[in-house]
Amino acid sequence: MKKIILLLVLSVLGMNAQAQSFKTPTPSPTQTIKQEFSLSSVEITYSRPALRGRKIFGDIVPFGKLWRAGANAPTKITFGEDVKIMGKSLKAGSYQLMINPTEKSWEIILNKGTDGVFNYHPEENVLTVSVPTATLQYPVESLAYQFELVASNKMFIQISWEKTFVSIPVETEIDAKIAASIEKVMTADTKPYFESASYYFETGRDLNKALEWASKATDSNPTAFWVFHLKAKIQAKMGDKTGAKATALKSIELAKAAKNDDYVALNEKLIKGL
């Protein structure tokens, strides 16, 4: 009988313990942002503290003291390929991002350790740069990272919180890699003429070669209005207005047949620009 009573008591206590267990929102929730960049991507994982009426820089985050660039766990940044940050080379990989803030600039530190600012080893630093701070007109409530002005080989990692803002330029060398890739794939049976012509046109490389590839792309796909539009843009850039107009008109004809009003408008705009 005593054993039965004891089991009942333990069961009730267990139910009470479960009833008292609950989950609350994280004060500084974790966010992961990822941006396709160049031939790979860049990813940042950080915790987002909020202002909540407090003074941050120079108070909660003291000037001249290492900050984990977020809250809770260390801020982690991963580059899928080699890059340059403010002209300094950085190998592909994952790093913890730290900041040593002052009133007018932030020292950005990328460190190959994983233990954060409380077990920081300067000898593990792989890159250190200084970026100027700017003052925002309106405060940012939650710490925010974002990628801006993303191009094929350059972008900016921007950090904003309170009324402080920094912008960190990131660059990578891709022209040689892509040129080598194009040279290699052009030896295959199926050749990516359109993609290669597009890259040469967009990056201002050999326009004669771009036109040759675009012409071959139209020959292999004679109803592809988007390919004819690319060829017209290349001709226009080379100064061949007559050829560009004729190709654009052909693209309009094909786009109308395909009921694609967007490309009709693009070609009309191109012709008007001639």
Protein backbone atom coordinates (compact mmCIF):
# COMPACT_ATOMS: atom_id res chain seq x y z
CA MET A 1 0.00 0.00 0.00
CA LYS A 2 2.83 2.40 0.91
CA LYS A 3 4.49 1.70 -2.43
CA ILE A 4 1.27 2.54 -4.30
CA ILE A 5 0.89 5.83 -2.39
CA LEU A 6 4.54 6.70 -3.08
CA LEU A 7 4.09 6.06 -6.81
CA LEU A 8 0.97 8.24 -6.87
CA VAL A 9 2.81 11.09 -5.11
CA LEU A 10 5.75 10.87 -7.54
CA SER A 11 3.34 10.84 -10.48
CA VAL A 12 1.57 13.97 -9.24
CA LEU A 13 4.88 15.75 -8.63
CA GLY A 14 6.02 14.84 -12.15
CA MET A 15 2.80 16.22 -13.65
CA ASN A 16 3.21 19.45 -11.66
CA ALA A 17 6.81 19.81 -12.86
CA GLN A 18 5.69 19.41 -16.48
CA ALA A 19 2.86 21.90 -16.00
CA GLN A 20 5.33 24.47 -14.61
CA SER A 21 7.75 24.08 -17.55
CA PHE A 22 7.25 26.67 -20.30
CA LYS A 23 9.12 28.53 -23.02
CA THR A 24 9.55 32.28 -23.33
CA PRO A 25 10.71 34.36 -26.32
CA THR A 26 14.45 34.92 -26.59
CA PRO A 27 15.31 38.54 -25.67
CA SER A 28 17.98 38.63 -28.41
CA PRO A 29 16.77 36.20 -31.09
CA THR A 30 19.24 34.55 -33.44
CA GLN A 31 19.14 35.38 -37.13
CA THR A 32 21.00 33.84 -40.05
CA ILE A 33 21.25 35.76 -43.31
CA LYS A 34 22.74 34.35 -46.49
CA GLN A 35 23.65 36.08 -49.72
CA GLU A 36 24.64 34.47 -53.00
CA PHE A 37 27.80 36.28 -54.03
CA SER A 38 30.18 35.74 -56.92
CA LEU A 39 30.43 31.96 -57.41
CA SER A 40 29.38 30.98 -53.86
CA SER A 41 27.75 32.76 -50.90
CA VAL A 42 28.32 34.66 -47.66
CA GLU A 43 26.42 33.73 -44.48
CA ILE A 44 26.19 35.53 -41.12
CA THR A 45 24.68 34.11 -37.91
CA TYR A 46 24.21 36.53 -35.00
CA SER A 47 21.92 37.37 -32.09
CA ARG A 48 19.87 40.59 -32.35
CA PRO A 49 19.74 42.66 -29.16
CA ALA A 50 17.29 45.56 -29.03
CA LEU A 51 17.59 49.13 -27.77
CA ARG A 52 14.68 49.00 -25.31
CA GLY A 53 15.29 52.65 -24.43
CA ARG A 54 18.94 52.15 -23.55
CA LYS A 55 22.07 53.98 -24.69
CA ILE A 56 24.20 51.45 -26.55
CA PHE A 57 27.51 52.67 -27.92
CA GLY A 58 29.69 54.23 -25.28
CA ASP A 59 27.54 52.63 -22.55
CA ILE A 60 26.08 49.12 -22.96
CA VAL A 61 28.76 48.55 -25.60
CA PRO A 62 31.76 50.50 -24.23
CA PHE A 63 34.18 52.26 -26.55
CA GLY A 64 37.60 50.66 -26.72
CA LYS A 65 36.41 47.26 -25.49
CA LEU A 66 36.02 44.13 -27.62
CA TRP A 67 32.37 43.39 -28.50
CA ARG A 68 31.02 40.14 -29.95
CA ALA A 69 29.10 42.06 -32.61
CA GLY A 70 25.80 40.76 -31.30
CA ALA A 71 24.47 39.10 -28.17
CA ASN A 72 24.69 35.63 -26.60
CA ALA A 73 26.93 33.41 -28.76
CA PRO A 74 29.78 34.75 -30.94
CA THR A 75 28.80 36.21 -34.31
CA LYS A 76 29.83 33.82 -37.09
CA ILE A 77 30.54 34.73 -40.71
CA THR A 78 31.24 32.24 -43.49
CA PHE A 79 32.74 33.01 -46.91
CA GLY A 80 32.32 30.38 -49.62
CA GLU A 81 35.39 31.57 -51.54
CA ASP A 82 38.47 33.75 -51.12
CA VAL A 83 37.63 37.46 -50.84
CA LYS A 84 39.19 40.82 -50.13
CA ILE A 85 37.85 43.04 -47.36
CA MET A 86 38.96 46.63 -47.69
CA GLY A 87 41.77 45.38 -49.91
CA LYS A 88 43.01 42.73 -47.48
CA SER A 89 42.93 39.08 -48.57
CA LEU A 90 40.86 36.52 -46.67
CA LYS A 91 40.68 32.79 -47.33
CA ALA A 92 37.34 31.01 -47.69
CA GLY A 93 36.04 29.62 -44.38
CA SER A 94 34.14 30.41 -41.18
CA TYR A 95 35.28 33.02 -38.67
CA GLN A 96 34.01 34.70 -35.54
CA LEU A 97 33.40 38.39 -36.10
CA MET A 98 34.33 40.85 -33.34
CA ILE A 99 34.26 44.61 -33.16
CA ASN A 100 36.34 47.08 -31.18
CA PRO A 101 34.20 50.23 -31.41
CA THR A 102 35.27 53.83 -30.96
CA GLU A 103 33.18 56.93 -31.43
CA LYS A 104 34.28 57.56 -35.02
CA SER A 105 35.37 54.14 -36.29
CA TRP A 106 35.04 50.40 -35.69
CA GLU A 107 37.89 47.94 -35.80
CA ILE A 108 36.49 44.83 -37.50
CA ILE A 109 38.22 41.62 -36.43
CA LEU A 110 37.84 38.19 -38.03
CA ASN A 111 39.22 35.47 -35.79
CA LYS A 112 39.53 31.72 -36.44
CA GLY A 113 38.68 30.85 -32.82
CA THR A 114 35.21 29.86 -31.62
CA ASP A 115 35.18 30.85 -27.93
CA GLY A 116 34.11 34.48 -28.24
CA VAL A 117 35.42 37.66 -26.66
CA PHE A 118 35.68 36.14 -23.17
CA ASN A 119 38.36 33.70 -24.33
CA TYR A 120 39.88 35.83 -27.05
CA HIS A 121 43.29 34.97 -28.51
CA PRO A 122 44.70 37.79 -30.67
CA GLU A 123 47.16 35.40 -32.31
CA GLU A 124 44.13 33.72 -33.94
CA ASN A 125 43.17 36.91 -35.80
CA VAL A 126 43.13 36.43 -39.57
CA LEU A 127 42.02 39.92 -40.61
CA THR A 128 41.70 43.32 -38.96
CA VAL A 129 40.40 46.45 -40.69
CA SER A 130 39.12 49.83 -39.52
CA VAL A 131 35.91 51.29 -40.97
CA PRO A 132 34.45 54.74 -40.28
CA THR A 133 31.09 55.05 -38.59
CA ALA A 134 28.18 57.14 -39.88
CA THR A 135 25.30 58.62 -37.92
CA LEU A 136 21.77 57.66 -38.93
CA GLN A 137 18.89 60.12 -38.84
CA TYR A 138 16.58 57.64 -37.09
CA PRO A 139 17.50 54.91 -34.59
CA VAL A 140 17.54 51.21 -35.52
CA GLU A 141 15.79 49.29 -32.73
CA SER A 142 17.35 45.84 -33.25
CA LEU A 143 20.93 45.20 -34.33
CA ALA A 144 20.83 44.51 -38.09
CA TYR A 145 23.24 43.03 -40.60
CA GLN A 146 22.44 43.24 -44.30
CA PHE A 147 24.04 42.84 -47.71
CA GLU A 148 23.76 45.80 -50.06
CA LEU A 149 24.85 46.87 -53.57
CA VAL A 150 25.47 43.24 -54.44
CA ALA A 151 27.25 42.86 -57.77
CA SER A 152 29.01 39.92 -59.37
CA ASN A 153 32.34 40.68 -57.73
CA LYS A 154 31.63 43.32 -55.06
CA MET A 155 29.15 44.02 -52.29
CA PHE A 156 28.88 45.68 -48.88
CA ILE A 157 28.17 44.13 -45.48
CA GLN A 158 26.31 46.80 -43.53
CA ILE A 159 25.78 46.86 -39.77
CA SER A 160 23.37 49.26 -38.07
CA TRP A 161 22.15 49.72 -34.52
CA GLU A 162 20.94 52.69 -32.50
CA LYS A 163 22.05 55.59 -34.73
CA THR A 164 25.39 54.06 -35.75
CA PHE A 165 26.05 52.57 -39.17
CA VAL A 166 29.08 51.00 -40.88
CA SER A 167 29.56 49.62 -44.38
CA ILE A 168 32.27 47.04 -45.11
CA PRO A 169 33.31 46.47 -48.75
CA VAL A 170 33.85 42.87 -49.87
CA GLU A 171 35.38 41.98 -53.23
CA THR A 172 36.42 38.83 -55.04
CA GLU A 173 38.31 38.01 -58.23
CA ILE A 174 36.08 36.03 -60.57
CA ASP A 175 36.89 37.16 -64.12
CA ALA A 176 39.86 34.82 -64.52
CA LYS A 177 37.89 31.90 -63.05
CA ILE A 178 34.88 32.43 -65.32
CA ALA A 179 37.01 33.07 -68.40
CA ALA A 180 38.81 29.78 -67.75
CA SER A 181 35.49 28.01 -67.25
CA ILE A 182 34.09 29.41 -70.51
CA GLU A 183 37.21 28.36 -72.38
CA LYS A 184 36.83 24.85 -70.99
CA VAL A 185 33.09 24.42 -71.68
CA MET A 186 33.47 25.73 -75.21
CA THR A 187 35.33 22.51 -76.04
CA ALA A 188 32.25 20.42 -75.12
CA ASP A 189 29.63 19.19 -77.57
CA THR A 190 26.91 21.42 -76.11
CA LYS A 191 28.24 24.94 -75.86
CA PRO A 192 26.61 27.61 -73.62
CA TYR A 193 26.69 30.36 -76.22
CA PHE A 194 23.99 32.52 -74.63
CA GLU A 195 25.44 32.42 -71.11
CA SER A 196 28.95 33.12 -72.37
CA ALA A 197 27.80 36.00 -74.57
CA SER A 198 25.83 37.45 -71.65
CA TYR A 199 28.86 37.36 -69.36
CA TYR A 200 31.14 38.96 -71.93
CA PHE A 201 28.56 41.68 -72.60
CA GLU A 202 27.82 42.43 -68.94
CA THR A 203 31.50 42.59 -67.96
CA GLY A 204 32.62 44.59 -71.00
CA ARG A 205 34.97 41.93 -72.32
CA ASP A 206 35.55 41.07 -76.01
CA LEU A 207 32.33 42.28 -77.69
CA ASN A 208 33.27 40.70 -81.03
CA LYS A 209 33.43 37.33 -79.32
CA ALA A 210 30.17 38.09 -77.46
CA LEU A 211 28.45 38.90 -80.78
CA GLU A 212 29.80 35.72 -82.38
CA TRP A 213 28.43 33.61 -79.51
CA ALA A 214 25.08 35.47 -79.48
CA SER A 215 24.70 34.86 -83.24
CA LYS A 216 25.41 31.16 -82.75
CA ALA A 217 22.86 31.10 -79.93
CA THR A 218 20.17 32.59 -82.22
CA ASP A 219 21.06 30.07 -84.92
CA SER A 220 20.60 27.17 -82.50
CA ASN A 221 17.39 28.61 -81.00
CA PRO A 222 15.70 30.77 -83.67
CA THR A 223 12.54 31.49 -81.62
CA ALA A 224 14.36 32.63 -78.45
CA PHE A 225 13.37 36.29 -78.31
CA TRP A 226 15.55 36.88 -75.24
CA VAL A 227 18.64 35.76 -77.15
CA PHE A 228 17.86 38.14 -80.01
CA HIS A 229 17.45 40.91 -77.44
CA LEU A 230 20.92 40.18 -76.06
CA LYS A 231 22.37 40.23 -79.58
CA ALA A 232 20.69 43.60 -80.23
CA LYS A 233 22.21 45.03 -77.02
CA ILE A 234 25.66 43.84 -78.05
CA GLN A 235 25.27 45.38 -81.51
CA ALA A 236 24.10 48.64 -79.96
CA LYS A 237 27.08 48.71 -77.62
CA MET A 238 29.39 48.13 -80.59
CA GLY A 239 27.83 51.10 -82.40
CA ASP A 240 26.00 49.07 -85.04
CA LYS A 241 22.65 50.89 -84.81
CA THR A 242 21.25 49.43 -88.04
CA GLY A 243 22.02 45.88 -86.99
CA ALA A 244 20.77 46.47 -83.46
CA LYS A 245 17.45 47.82 -84.73
CA ALA A 246 16.91 44.91 -87.12
CA THR A 247 17.71 42.36 -84.38
CA ALA A 248 15.49 44.15 -81.86
CA LEU A 249 12.59 44.16 -84.34
CA LYS A 250 13.07 40.41 -84.80
CA SER A 251 13.01 39.99 -81.01
CA ILE A 252 9.77 42.00 -80.83
CA GLU A 253 8.20 39.78 -83.49
CA LEU A 254 9.15 36.61 -81.56
CA ALA A 255 8.15 38.10 -78.19
CA LYS A 256 4.69 39.03 -79.53
CA ALA A 257 4.26 35.49 -80.85
CA ALA A 258 5.16 34.20 -77.38
CA LYS A 259 2.85 36.80 -75.75
CA ASN A 260 5.74 38.24 -73.73
CA ASP A 261 5.00 41.93 -73.35
CA ASP A 262 8.05 42.53 -71.14
CA TYR A 263 10.50 41.79 -73.93
CA VAL A 264 8.42 43.76 -76.40
CA ALA A 265 8.82 46.78 -74.11
CA LEU A 266 12.54 46.14 -73.58
CA ASN A 267 13.20 46.03 -77.31
CA GLU A 268 11.09 49.13 -77.97
CA LYS A 269 13.09 50.95 -75.34
CA LEU A 270 16.35 49.76 -76.93
CA ILE A 271 15.27 50.97 -80.36
CA LYS A 272 14.20 54.33 -78.95
CA GLY A 273 17.60 54.65 -77.28
CA LEU A 274 19.34 54.20 -80.63
